[in-house]
Every structure is written in structure tokens, then in C-alpha cells.
Amino acid sequence: MITKKLGNRLRELREQKGLTQERFALKIGIDRSYYAGVELGQRNISLKNLEKIAHGLDLSLSELFKGVEENGAEKPC
């Protein structure tokens, strides 16, 4: 599932910065429990919040999604 893969990517990037979920969520202005749900793949996050996360990690949106792709997803005809 794409939300799970994105969550794993976000956790990895946050941990590389040496930040806890609580500290990172405070830094970007998102509720910690909401952010935890994003990392667990339980939230369908908005683009606005993805932008906050990317900026908080000093990344562009495209960099944020590197390595996150849905394998086996149906392709349009």
C-alpha cells in the first residue's frame, strides 16, 4: 500500500535527521498523533501537509517521494 511505503520513507528521513516524532511534528506544525498515523500508513495525508513535511526535512516534494512507488498498481489503458 502506498501510504505504508510513504510512511516508512518519512520515518527513515526523520530518523536520519535525529528527530523524534514529537519534535518533528512540533517543528512542522502538525499534531504528533496525526503525524504518527502518517508514518504508520494509517492516514491519507493532504498535499499541504506533505509540503510541510518536505520543508521540515529540507527536501523538495519530488525528493520526498524518491523510492516510493506502488508496485503492481493498475495502469490506465
N, C-alpha and C. Protein backbone atom coordinates (compact mmCIF):
# COMPACT_ATOMS: atom_id res chain seq x y z
N MET A 1 0.84 -1.18 0.00
CA MET A 1 0.00 0.00 0.00
C MET A 1 0.89 1.24 0.00
N ILE A 2 0.53 2.20 -0.81
CA ILE A 2 1.35 3.40 -1.00
C ILE A 2 1.49 4.21 0.30
N THR A 3 0.43 4.26 1.12
CA THR A 3 0.52 5.04 2.36
C THR A 3 1.53 4.41 3.32
N LYS A 4 1.63 3.09 3.32
CA LYS A 4 2.60 2.41 4.18
C LYS A 4 4.03 2.67 3.69
N LYS A 5 4.22 2.61 2.37
CA LYS A 5 5.55 2.86 1.81
C LYS A 5 5.98 4.30 2.06
N LEU A 6 5.05 5.23 1.91
CA LEU A 6 5.37 6.64 2.19
C LEU A 6 5.70 6.81 3.66
N GLY A 7 4.92 6.21 4.53
CA GLY A 7 5.18 6.30 5.96
C GLY A 7 6.56 5.79 6.34
N ASN A 8 6.94 4.67 5.74
CA ASN A 8 8.28 4.12 6.00
C ASN A 8 9.36 5.08 5.53
N ARG A 9 9.14 5.70 4.38
CA ARG A 9 10.10 6.66 3.84
C ARG A 9 10.23 7.87 4.78
N LEU A 10 9.09 8.36 5.25
CA LEU A 10 9.11 9.52 6.15
C LEU A 10 9.82 9.20 7.45
N ARG A 11 9.55 8.02 8.00
CA ARG A 11 10.21 7.62 9.24
C ARG A 11 11.73 7.57 9.04
N GLU A 12 12.15 6.97 7.95
CA GLU A 12 13.57 6.86 7.65
C GLU A 12 14.22 8.24 7.54
N LEU A 13 13.59 9.15 6.82
CA LEU A 13 14.13 10.50 6.64
C LEU A 13 14.18 11.26 7.96
N ARG A 14 13.12 11.15 8.75
CA ARG A 14 13.07 11.83 10.05
C ARG A 14 14.16 11.32 10.97
N GLU A 15 14.33 10.00 11.00
CA GLU A 15 15.34 9.42 11.87
C GLU A 15 16.75 9.81 11.43
N GLN A 16 16.96 9.96 10.13
CA GLN A 16 18.27 10.42 9.62
C GLN A 16 18.59 11.82 10.14
N LYS A 17 17.55 12.62 10.37
CA LYS A 17 17.75 13.97 10.92
C LYS A 17 17.90 13.95 12.44
N GLY A 18 17.73 12.78 13.05
CA GLY A 18 17.87 12.65 14.50
C GLY A 18 16.71 13.25 15.28
N LEU A 19 15.52 13.26 14.67
CA LEU A 19 14.35 13.87 15.31
C LEU A 19 13.35 12.82 15.77
N THR A 20 12.76 13.04 16.92
CA THR A 20 11.65 12.20 17.36
C THR A 20 10.39 12.63 16.61
N GLN A 21 9.37 11.79 16.64
CA GLN A 21 8.10 12.17 16.02
C GLN A 21 7.56 13.45 16.66
N GLU A 22 7.63 13.50 17.98
CA GLU A 22 7.10 14.66 18.70
C GLU A 22 7.82 15.95 18.31
N ARG A 23 9.13 15.89 18.29
CA ARG A 23 9.91 17.08 17.97
C ARG A 23 9.70 17.52 16.52
N PHE A 24 9.64 16.54 15.60
CA PHE A 24 9.44 16.87 14.20
C PHE A 24 8.05 17.44 13.97
N ALA A 25 7.04 16.82 14.55
CA ALA A 25 5.67 17.31 14.40
C ALA A 25 5.54 18.74 14.92
N LEU A 26 6.17 19.03 16.04
CA LEU A 26 6.16 20.39 16.59
C LEU A 26 6.84 21.35 15.63
N LYS A 27 7.96 20.93 15.06
CA LYS A 27 8.72 21.76 14.13
C LYS A 27 7.89 22.15 12.91
N ILE A 28 7.08 21.23 12.40
CA ILE A 28 6.32 21.49 11.17
C ILE A 28 4.88 21.91 11.41
N GLY A 29 4.46 21.95 12.68
CA GLY A 29 3.12 22.43 13.00
C GLY A 29 2.01 21.43 12.72
N ILE A 30 2.31 20.15 12.91
CA ILE A 30 1.32 19.08 12.74
C ILE A 30 1.20 18.33 14.07
N ASP A 31 -0.01 17.94 14.41
CA ASP A 31 -0.24 17.18 15.64
C ASP A 31 0.58 15.89 15.63
N ARG A 32 1.22 15.57 16.76
CA ARG A 32 2.08 14.40 16.82
C ARG A 32 1.34 13.10 16.54
N SER A 33 0.15 12.95 17.07
CA SER A 33 -0.59 11.70 16.85
C SER A 33 -1.01 11.56 15.39
N TYR A 34 -1.33 12.68 14.76
CA TYR A 34 -1.64 12.66 13.33
C TYR A 34 -0.41 12.24 12.53
N TYR A 35 0.73 12.84 12.86
CA TYR A 35 1.97 12.51 12.16
C TYR A 35 2.33 11.04 12.37
N ALA A 36 2.15 10.54 13.58
CA ALA A 36 2.43 9.12 13.85
C ALA A 36 1.58 8.23 12.94
N GLY A 37 0.32 8.61 12.75
CA GLY A 37 -0.56 7.86 11.86
C GLY A 37 -0.09 7.89 10.42
N VAL A 38 0.51 9.00 10.02
CA VAL A 38 1.06 9.11 8.66
C VAL A 38 2.22 8.13 8.51
N GLU A 39 3.12 8.10 9.48
CA GLU A 39 4.26 7.19 9.42
C GLU A 39 3.82 5.73 9.45
N LEU A 40 2.72 5.45 10.10
CA LEU A 40 2.21 4.07 10.16
C LEU A 40 1.41 3.69 8.92
N GLY A 41 1.19 4.65 8.04
CA GLY A 41 0.43 4.38 6.83
C GLY A 41 -1.07 4.35 7.07
N GLN A 42 -1.52 4.94 8.16
CA GLN A 42 -2.93 4.93 8.53
C GLN A 42 -3.67 6.19 8.10
N ARG A 43 -2.96 7.17 7.62
CA ARG A 43 -3.57 8.46 7.23
C ARG A 43 -3.42 8.70 5.75
N ASN A 44 -4.43 9.27 5.16
CA ASN A 44 -4.38 9.70 3.77
C ASN A 44 -4.06 11.19 3.81
N ILE A 45 -2.79 11.51 3.79
CA ILE A 45 -2.30 12.86 4.06
C ILE A 45 -2.56 13.81 2.89
N SER A 46 -2.81 15.06 3.21
CA SER A 46 -3.05 16.08 2.19
C SER A 46 -1.73 16.58 1.60
N LEU A 47 -1.82 17.16 0.42
CA LEU A 47 -0.63 17.73 -0.21
C LEU A 47 -0.04 18.86 0.62
N LYS A 48 -0.90 19.63 1.24
CA LYS A 48 -0.44 20.75 2.08
C LYS A 48 0.44 20.22 3.23
N ASN A 49 0.00 19.13 3.86
CA ASN A 49 0.80 18.57 4.95
C ASN A 49 2.05 17.87 4.43
N LEU A 50 1.98 17.28 3.25
CA LEU A 50 3.18 16.70 2.64
C LEU A 50 4.22 17.79 2.37
N GLU A 51 3.73 18.95 1.95
CA GLU A 51 4.64 20.07 1.71
C GLU A 51 5.31 20.51 3.01
N LYS A 52 4.56 20.56 4.10
CA LYS A 52 5.13 20.91 5.41
C LYS A 52 6.22 19.92 5.80
N ILE A 53 5.95 18.64 5.58
CA ILE A 53 6.92 17.59 5.92
C ILE A 53 8.18 17.74 5.07
N ALA A 54 8.00 17.93 3.77
CA ALA A 54 9.15 18.09 2.88
C ALA A 54 10.01 19.27 3.32
N HIS A 55 9.38 20.40 3.59
CA HIS A 55 10.14 21.58 4.04
C HIS A 55 10.84 21.32 5.37
N GLY A 56 10.16 20.62 6.26
CA GLY A 56 10.75 20.29 7.56
C GLY A 56 11.96 19.39 7.44
N LEU A 57 12.01 18.61 6.37
CA LEU A 57 13.15 17.73 6.12
C LEU A 57 14.16 18.34 5.16
N ASP A 58 13.93 19.58 4.76
CA ASP A 58 14.78 20.29 3.81
C ASP A 58 14.86 19.56 2.47
N LEU A 59 13.69 19.09 2.00
CA LEU A 59 13.60 18.37 0.74
C LEU A 59 12.52 18.98 -0.14
N SER A 60 12.61 18.72 -1.44
CA SER A 60 11.51 19.06 -2.34
C SER A 60 10.49 17.93 -2.26
N LEU A 61 9.29 18.18 -2.76
CA LEU A 61 8.28 17.13 -2.77
C LEU A 61 8.75 15.93 -3.58
N SER A 62 9.41 16.17 -4.70
CA SER A 62 9.87 15.04 -5.52
C SER A 62 10.92 14.21 -4.78
N GLU A 63 11.80 14.86 -4.04
CA GLU A 63 12.80 14.14 -3.26
C GLU A 63 12.14 13.32 -2.16
N LEU A 64 11.07 13.86 -1.59
CA LEU A 64 10.35 13.16 -0.53
C LEU A 64 9.82 11.82 -1.02
N PHE A 65 9.41 11.76 -2.28
CA PHE A 65 8.80 10.55 -2.84
C PHE A 65 9.79 9.60 -3.51
N LYS A 66 11.07 9.92 -3.51
CA LYS A 66 12.04 9.03 -4.14
C LYS A 66 11.98 7.65 -3.49
N GLY A 67 11.84 6.63 -4.33
CA GLY A 67 11.79 5.26 -3.83
C GLY A 67 10.41 4.82 -3.38
N VAL A 68 9.43 5.71 -3.43
CA VAL A 68 8.06 5.35 -3.03
C VAL A 68 7.25 5.19 -4.31
N GLU A 69 6.93 3.95 -4.61
CA GLU A 69 6.08 3.70 -5.77
C GLU A 69 5.23 2.49 -5.49
N GLU A 70 4.09 2.46 -6.10
CA GLU A 70 3.15 1.36 -5.91
C GLU A 70 3.46 0.29 -6.94
N ASN A 71 4.02 -0.83 -6.51
CA ASN A 71 4.28 -1.94 -7.41
C ASN A 71 2.98 -2.70 -7.65
N GLY A 72 2.75 -3.07 -8.89
CA GLY A 72 1.57 -3.84 -9.22
C GLY A 72 0.32 -3.01 -9.32
N ALA A 73 0.44 -1.70 -9.28
CA ALA A 73 -0.74 -0.84 -9.41
C ALA A 73 -1.27 -0.94 -10.83
N GLU A 74 -2.58 -0.86 -10.95
CA GLU A 74 -3.18 -0.89 -12.27
C GLU A 74 -2.78 0.35 -13.05
N LYS A 75 -2.43 0.14 -14.30
CA LYS A 75 -2.06 1.25 -15.16
C LYS A 75 -3.24 1.58 -16.05
N PRO A 76 -3.46 2.88 -16.30
CA PRO A 76 -4.58 3.24 -17.18
C PRO A 76 -4.36 2.73 -18.59
N CYS A 77 -5.44 2.41 -19.25
CA CYS A 77 -5.38 1.91 -20.64
C CYS A 77 -5.07 3.02 -21.61
